[in-house]
Amino acid sequence: MGRFFDFAKRRIVGYIVTWTLVLLFLGIFYRGNPPAQAGGLFILGFAFLGSLLYTRRMKRKQRARREAEERAKQMQEAYAMQLKAAQAQWAQQMWQAQQAQQAQTIQQTRQPGGR
């Protein structure tokens, strides 16, 4: 996924985590009674911090995944370059061997007593 979709995914997860924590704390501490304004603000602030911590963790994991993918891509490119160089070297050696063989054949035909 691209960076925009990673950002959108983190925001959506952040909202879900925030409201899940809010509803969880309301259910645990206030069991049907509405909280006072300070209590509600505390719960909202706590849920926001929990959401922020969770989405920062997601961001670190996404960054590590992107860096690992980039390293893997660089390794593949390096391997392809090494393979191409090895193939070129092999082709050069084959060409030299073929040239040497042709030169030897020509030299044998020019020698007296040769075919």
N, C-alpha and C. Protein backbone atom coordinates (compact mmCIF):
# COMPACT_ATOMS: atom_id res chain seq x y z
N MET A 1 0.83 -1.18 0.00
CA MET A 1 0.00 0.00 0.00
C MET A 1 0.88 1.24 0.00
N GLY A 2 0.32 2.30 -0.48
CA GLY A 2 1.06 3.54 -0.50
C GLY A 2 1.02 4.25 0.84
N ARG A 3 1.75 5.32 0.90
CA ARG A 3 1.82 6.07 2.16
C ARG A 3 0.47 6.67 2.54
N PHE A 4 -0.32 7.11 1.55
CA PHE A 4 -1.62 7.68 1.86
C PHE A 4 -2.54 6.64 2.50
N PHE A 5 -2.52 5.42 1.97
CA PHE A 5 -3.39 4.39 2.53
C PHE A 5 -2.91 3.95 3.90
N ASP A 6 -1.59 3.96 4.12
CA ASP A 6 -1.08 3.67 5.46
C ASP A 6 -1.56 4.72 6.45
N PHE A 7 -1.52 6.00 6.02
CA PHE A 7 -1.99 7.09 6.88
C PHE A 7 -3.47 6.93 7.18
N ALA A 8 -4.26 6.65 6.14
CA ALA A 8 -5.72 6.50 6.32
C ALA A 8 -6.03 5.32 7.24
N LYS A 9 -5.30 4.24 7.06
CA LYS A 9 -5.52 3.06 7.90
C LYS A 9 -5.21 3.38 9.36
N ARG A 10 -4.13 4.11 9.60
CA ARG A 10 -3.80 4.48 10.98
C ARG A 10 -4.87 5.39 11.58
N ARG A 11 -5.40 6.32 10.81
CA ARG A 11 -6.43 7.21 11.33
C ARG A 11 -7.69 6.44 11.68
N ILE A 12 -8.10 5.53 10.81
CA ILE A 12 -9.30 4.74 11.08
C ILE A 12 -9.11 3.89 12.32
N VAL A 13 -7.98 3.23 12.42
CA VAL A 13 -7.70 2.40 13.60
C VAL A 13 -7.65 3.28 14.85
N GLY A 14 -7.08 4.48 14.71
CA GLY A 14 -7.02 5.40 15.84
C GLY A 14 -8.41 5.78 16.35
N TYR A 15 -9.32 6.07 15.44
CA TYR A 15 -10.70 6.40 15.84
C TYR A 15 -11.36 5.21 16.52
N ILE A 16 -11.16 4.03 15.96
CA ILE A 16 -11.78 2.84 16.55
C ILE A 16 -11.23 2.59 17.95
N VAL A 17 -9.92 2.71 18.12
CA VAL A 17 -9.30 2.48 19.43
C VAL A 17 -9.79 3.53 20.42
N THR A 18 -9.85 4.79 19.97
CA THR A 18 -10.30 5.87 20.87
C THR A 18 -11.70 5.59 21.40
N TRP A 19 -12.63 5.32 20.52
CA TRP A 19 -14.01 5.14 20.96
C TRP A 19 -14.21 3.82 21.69
N THR A 20 -13.41 2.84 21.38
CA THR A 20 -13.48 1.58 22.14
C THR A 20 -13.03 1.82 23.58
N LEU A 21 -11.94 2.56 23.74
CA LEU A 21 -11.48 2.87 25.10
C LEU A 21 -12.49 3.75 25.85
N VAL A 22 -13.06 4.72 25.16
CA VAL A 22 -14.06 5.58 25.80
C VAL A 22 -15.23 4.75 26.30
N LEU A 23 -15.78 3.92 25.43
CA LEU A 23 -16.93 3.10 25.83
C LEU A 23 -16.56 2.10 26.91
N LEU A 24 -15.34 1.57 26.86
CA LEU A 24 -14.88 0.63 27.88
C LEU A 24 -14.82 1.30 29.25
N PHE A 25 -14.20 2.47 29.30
CA PHE A 25 -14.09 3.18 30.59
C PHE A 25 -15.44 3.67 31.09
N LEU A 26 -16.30 4.11 30.19
CA LEU A 26 -17.64 4.51 30.63
C LEU A 26 -18.39 3.32 31.21
N GLY A 27 -18.25 2.17 30.57
CA GLY A 27 -18.92 0.98 31.07
C GLY A 27 -18.34 0.49 32.39
N ILE A 28 -17.02 0.62 32.56
CA ILE A 28 -16.39 0.14 33.79
C ILE A 28 -16.64 1.08 34.96
N PHE A 29 -16.42 2.38 34.76
CA PHE A 29 -16.47 3.32 35.87
C PHE A 29 -17.85 3.93 36.12
N TYR A 30 -18.68 4.06 35.11
CA TYR A 30 -19.91 4.82 35.29
C TYR A 30 -21.17 4.01 35.08
N ARG A 31 -21.16 2.81 34.76
CA ARG A 31 -22.27 1.86 34.64
C ARG A 31 -23.65 2.52 34.54
N GLY A 32 -23.88 3.22 33.46
CA GLY A 32 -25.20 3.80 33.22
C GLY A 32 -25.38 5.21 33.75
N ASN A 33 -24.51 5.69 34.62
CA ASN A 33 -24.59 7.07 35.13
C ASN A 33 -23.72 7.95 34.26
N PRO A 34 -24.18 9.09 33.83
CA PRO A 34 -23.34 9.97 33.03
C PRO A 34 -22.21 10.55 33.88
N PRO A 35 -21.00 10.63 33.34
CA PRO A 35 -19.88 11.17 34.11
C PRO A 35 -19.96 12.69 34.19
N ALA A 36 -19.30 13.24 35.19
CA ALA A 36 -19.17 14.69 35.28
C ALA A 36 -18.28 15.16 34.13
N GLN A 37 -18.29 16.46 33.89
CA GLN A 37 -17.53 16.99 32.75
C GLN A 37 -16.04 16.66 32.88
N ALA A 38 -15.48 16.78 34.07
CA ALA A 38 -14.06 16.51 34.26
C ALA A 38 -13.76 15.02 34.02
N GLY A 39 -14.65 14.16 34.47
CA GLY A 39 -14.47 12.72 34.27
C GLY A 39 -14.54 12.36 32.79
N GLY A 40 -15.47 12.98 32.10
CA GLY A 40 -15.60 12.73 30.66
C GLY A 40 -14.38 13.20 29.89
N LEU A 41 -13.87 14.38 30.26
CA LEU A 41 -12.67 14.90 29.61
C LEU A 41 -11.46 14.02 29.91
N PHE A 42 -11.39 13.52 31.15
CA PHE A 42 -10.29 12.62 31.49
C PHE A 42 -10.35 11.35 30.65
N ILE A 43 -11.54 10.78 30.53
CA ILE A 43 -11.70 9.56 29.75
C ILE A 43 -11.35 9.82 28.28
N LEU A 44 -11.82 10.93 27.72
CA LEU A 44 -11.51 11.26 26.33
C LEU A 44 -9.99 11.47 26.14
N GLY A 45 -9.37 12.17 27.08
CA GLY A 45 -7.93 12.39 26.99
C GLY A 45 -7.15 11.09 27.10
N PHE A 46 -7.54 10.25 28.03
CA PHE A 46 -6.87 8.96 28.20
C PHE A 46 -7.04 8.10 26.95
N ALA A 47 -8.24 8.07 26.40
CA ALA A 47 -8.50 7.28 25.19
C ALA A 47 -7.69 7.83 24.01
N PHE A 48 -7.58 9.17 23.92
CA PHE A 48 -6.81 9.77 22.85
C PHE A 48 -5.33 9.38 22.96
N LEU A 49 -4.79 9.41 24.18
CA LEU A 49 -3.39 9.02 24.37
C LEU A 49 -3.17 7.55 24.04
N GLY A 50 -4.11 6.70 24.43
CA GLY A 50 -4.00 5.28 24.09
C GLY A 50 -4.03 5.07 22.58
N SER A 51 -4.91 5.80 21.92
CA SER A 51 -5.00 5.72 20.47
C SER A 51 -3.72 6.22 19.82
N LEU A 52 -3.19 7.32 20.32
CA LEU A 52 -1.96 7.89 19.78
C LEU A 52 -0.79 6.92 19.91
N LEU A 53 -0.68 6.29 21.07
CA LEU A 53 0.39 5.31 21.27
C LEU A 53 0.25 4.13 20.32
N TYR A 54 -0.97 3.66 20.15
CA TYR A 54 -1.19 2.51 19.27
C TYR A 54 -0.88 2.85 17.82
N THR A 55 -1.30 4.03 17.36
CA THR A 55 -1.05 4.40 15.96
C THR A 55 0.43 4.71 15.72
N ARG A 56 1.13 5.23 16.73
CA ARG A 56 2.58 5.43 16.57
C ARG A 56 3.28 4.09 16.42
N ARG A 57 2.82 3.09 17.15
CA ARG A 57 3.38 1.74 17.02
C ARG A 57 3.13 1.22 15.61
N MET A 58 1.94 1.44 15.08
CA MET A 58 1.63 1.01 13.71
C MET A 58 2.55 1.71 12.71
N LYS A 59 2.79 3.00 12.95
CA LYS A 59 3.64 3.76 12.04
C LYS A 59 5.07 3.21 12.03
N ARG A 60 5.60 2.87 13.19
CA ARG A 60 6.95 2.30 13.27
C ARG A 60 7.02 0.99 12.51
N LYS A 61 6.00 0.15 12.68
CA LYS A 61 5.99 -1.14 11.98
C LYS A 61 5.90 -0.94 10.47
N GLN A 62 5.08 0.02 10.03
CA GLN A 62 4.95 0.29 8.61
C GLN A 62 6.26 0.82 8.03
N ARG A 63 6.93 1.68 8.78
CA ARG A 63 8.22 2.22 8.32
C ARG A 63 9.25 1.09 8.22
N ALA A 64 9.29 0.21 9.21
CA ALA A 64 10.22 -0.92 9.18
C ALA A 64 9.92 -1.83 8.00
N ARG A 65 8.63 -2.06 7.73
CA ARG A 65 8.25 -2.91 6.59
C ARG A 65 8.68 -2.29 5.27
N ARG A 66 8.47 -0.97 5.13
CA ARG A 66 8.89 -0.28 3.90
C ARG A 66 10.40 -0.35 3.71
N GLU A 67 11.16 -0.16 4.79
CA GLU A 67 12.61 -0.22 4.71
C GLU A 67 13.08 -1.63 4.36
N ALA A 68 12.42 -2.64 4.91
CA ALA A 68 12.78 -4.03 4.58
C ALA A 68 12.49 -4.33 3.12
N GLU A 69 11.36 -3.84 2.62
CA GLU A 69 11.04 -4.03 1.20
C GLU A 69 12.06 -3.33 0.31
N GLU A 70 12.48 -2.14 0.71
CA GLU A 70 13.49 -1.40 -0.07
C GLU A 70 14.82 -2.14 -0.08
N ARG A 71 15.23 -2.67 1.09
CA ARG A 71 16.47 -3.44 1.15
C ARG A 71 16.38 -4.69 0.28
N ALA A 72 15.24 -5.36 0.31
CA ALA A 72 15.07 -6.56 -0.52
C ALA A 72 15.15 -6.21 -2.00
N LYS A 73 14.57 -5.09 -2.37
CA LYS A 73 14.62 -4.65 -3.76
C LYS A 73 16.06 -4.35 -4.17
N GLN A 74 16.81 -3.68 -3.31
CA GLN A 74 18.21 -3.38 -3.61
C GLN A 74 19.03 -4.66 -3.72
N MET A 75 18.75 -5.64 -2.86
CA MET A 75 19.47 -6.91 -2.93
C MET A 75 19.16 -7.63 -4.23
N GLN A 76 17.90 -7.60 -4.67
CA GLN A 76 17.54 -8.24 -5.93
C GLN A 76 18.25 -7.57 -7.10
N GLU A 77 18.31 -6.24 -7.07
CA GLU A 77 19.00 -5.52 -8.14
C GLU A 77 20.48 -5.85 -8.15
N ALA A 78 21.10 -5.92 -6.97
CA ALA A 78 22.52 -6.26 -6.89
C ALA A 78 22.76 -7.67 -7.39
N TYR A 79 21.88 -8.59 -7.03
CA TYR A 79 22.02 -9.97 -7.49
C TYR A 79 21.88 -10.04 -9.01
N ALA A 80 20.93 -9.31 -9.57
CA ALA A 80 20.75 -9.30 -11.02
C ALA A 80 21.99 -8.74 -11.72
N MET A 81 22.58 -7.70 -11.15
CA MET A 81 23.80 -7.13 -11.74
C MET A 81 24.95 -8.13 -11.68
N GLN A 82 25.09 -8.82 -10.54
CA GLN A 82 26.15 -9.82 -10.42
C GLN A 82 25.94 -10.96 -11.41
N LEU A 83 24.70 -11.38 -11.56
CA LEU A 83 24.39 -12.45 -12.50
C LEU A 83 24.71 -12.03 -13.93
N LYS A 84 24.35 -10.80 -14.25
CA LYS A 84 24.62 -10.29 -15.60
C LYS A 84 26.14 -10.21 -15.84
N ALA A 85 26.88 -9.75 -14.85
CA ALA A 85 28.34 -9.67 -14.98
C ALA A 85 28.94 -11.06 -15.12
N ALA A 86 28.44 -12.03 -14.36
CA ALA A 86 28.96 -13.40 -14.45
C ALA A 86 28.66 -13.99 -15.83
N GLN A 87 27.47 -13.71 -16.34
CA GLN A 87 27.13 -14.21 -17.68
C GLN A 87 28.01 -13.57 -18.75
N ALA A 88 28.28 -12.29 -18.61
CA ALA A 88 29.15 -11.61 -19.58
C ALA A 88 30.56 -12.18 -19.51
N GLN A 89 31.05 -12.45 -18.31
CA GLN A 89 32.38 -13.01 -18.14
C GLN A 89 32.43 -14.42 -18.75
N TRP A 90 31.41 -15.20 -18.53
CA TRP A 90 31.35 -16.54 -19.09
C TRP A 90 31.34 -16.48 -20.62
N ALA A 91 30.54 -15.55 -21.18
CA ALA A 91 30.49 -15.40 -22.64
C ALA A 91 31.86 -14.99 -23.19
N GLN A 92 32.55 -14.11 -22.48
CA GLN A 92 33.89 -13.67 -22.88
C GLN A 92 34.86 -14.86 -22.89
N GLN A 93 34.80 -15.68 -21.85
CA GLN A 93 35.67 -16.85 -21.77
C GLN A 93 35.35 -17.84 -22.88
N MET A 94 34.09 -18.02 -23.17
CA MET A 94 33.71 -18.94 -24.25
C MET A 94 34.20 -18.41 -25.60
N TRP A 95 34.10 -17.11 -25.81
CA TRP A 95 34.54 -16.50 -27.06
C TRP A 95 36.06 -16.66 -27.21
N GLN A 96 36.79 -16.43 -26.11
CA GLN A 96 38.24 -16.58 -26.15
C GLN A 96 38.64 -18.03 -26.42
N ALA A 97 37.93 -18.96 -25.81
CA ALA A 97 38.23 -20.38 -26.04
C ALA A 97 37.95 -20.75 -27.49
N GLN A 98 36.87 -20.24 -28.02
CA GLN A 98 36.52 -20.51 -29.41
C GLN A 98 37.57 -19.91 -30.35
N GLN A 99 38.01 -18.69 -30.07
CA GLN A 99 39.04 -18.06 -30.89
C GLN A 99 40.35 -18.85 -30.83
N ALA A 100 40.71 -19.32 -29.65
CA ALA A 100 41.94 -20.11 -29.49
C ALA A 100 41.83 -21.41 -30.26
N GLN A 101 40.66 -22.03 -30.22
CA GLN A 101 40.46 -23.27 -30.94
C GLN A 101 40.54 -23.04 -32.45
N GLN A 102 39.97 -21.96 -32.94
CA GLN A 102 40.05 -21.64 -34.37
C GLN A 102 41.50 -21.36 -34.78
N ALA A 103 42.21 -20.63 -33.95
CA ALA A 103 43.61 -20.33 -34.25
C ALA A 103 44.43 -21.61 -34.29
N GLN A 104 44.19 -22.54 -33.40
CA GLN A 104 44.90 -23.81 -33.38
C GLN A 104 44.57 -24.62 -34.62
N THR A 105 43.32 -24.60 -35.05
CA THR A 105 42.92 -25.34 -36.25
C THR A 105 43.60 -24.75 -37.48
N ILE A 106 43.67 -23.44 -37.58
CA ILE A 106 44.32 -22.78 -38.70
C ILE A 106 45.80 -23.09 -38.69
N GLN A 107 46.41 -23.09 -37.53
CA GLN A 107 47.85 -23.37 -37.41
C GLN A 107 48.14 -24.81 -37.81
N GLN A 108 47.28 -25.73 -37.46
CA GLN A 108 47.49 -27.14 -37.84
C GLN A 108 47.38 -27.32 -39.35
N THR A 109 46.46 -26.60 -39.99
CA THR A 109 46.30 -26.76 -41.44
C THR A 109 47.46 -26.14 -42.20
N ARG A 110 48.13 -25.16 -41.65
CA ARG A 110 49.26 -24.51 -42.32
C ARG A 110 50.58 -25.26 -42.13
N GLN A 111 50.67 -26.12 -41.15
CA GLN A 111 51.90 -26.86 -40.91
C GLN A 111 52.08 -27.93 -41.98
N PRO A 112 53.31 -28.12 -42.41
CA PRO A 112 53.54 -29.20 -43.37
C PRO A 112 53.23 -30.54 -42.70
N GLY A 113 52.61 -31.37 -43.39
CA GLY A 113 52.24 -32.67 -42.86
C GLY A 113 50.85 -32.63 -42.25
N GLY A 114 50.27 -31.45 -42.17
CA GLY A 114 48.89 -31.34 -41.67
C GLY A 114 47.92 -31.66 -42.78
N ARG A 115 46.74 -31.65 -42.59
CA ARG A 115 45.76 -31.98 -43.61
C ARG A 115 45.80 -31.02 -44.68
